[in-house]
Amino acid sequence: DVDDARLARLPDYGASTVLSWPRVAGLSPQQAGLDRGVDVAIDLVGQAAVLAWCFAALDRGGTLVSLTTHTRLEALPVPSHLLVNKEATVMGSRYVARWELLRAIELVARGVIRPVVSETCDLAGAAALFERLRAGQLFGRGAVLPA
């Protein structure tokens, strides 16, 4: 991501290494301080250079997850042989299928995962909350609660 305040909260959700794109742009993963590859790299920026950097940072068997709404078409500039050599998985997520939503609800109910909802409001505040989300000012998501 590019927001230090949001990145600082990620260890609370299980991240062991958090890197800010502006601080590692132009550096190799090793130059950025990674002594070994990562198991999972999550791209929250959505630019080709970030996707390529995240892929380069993967350890054998690692997974690259793109969790952003891309505003323009971006190619993932990865030589195809590296997908095999690294045994890498590349996946994206924007929306959710019904079965995934039901599974997520079950995992939250069991306490296995914790949803990231940083702000809530009533229906009257929904438009302002949505604008804060669009402006990238929320950590995680916001929720509109019933009155």
Foldseek 3Di string as FASTA:
>chain_A
DADPVLQVCCVVQPDPDGDHCVVCVPHALVRVPDPAADQEAEDADQALSSLQRNLSRHAQNHEYEYEYDHPDDHDNPDDPVVCVVSVYHYYYDYDDDPVRVVVVVVCVVVVVGDADAQEEEAPVCVVVQVVCVVVVNGNHHHYHDYD
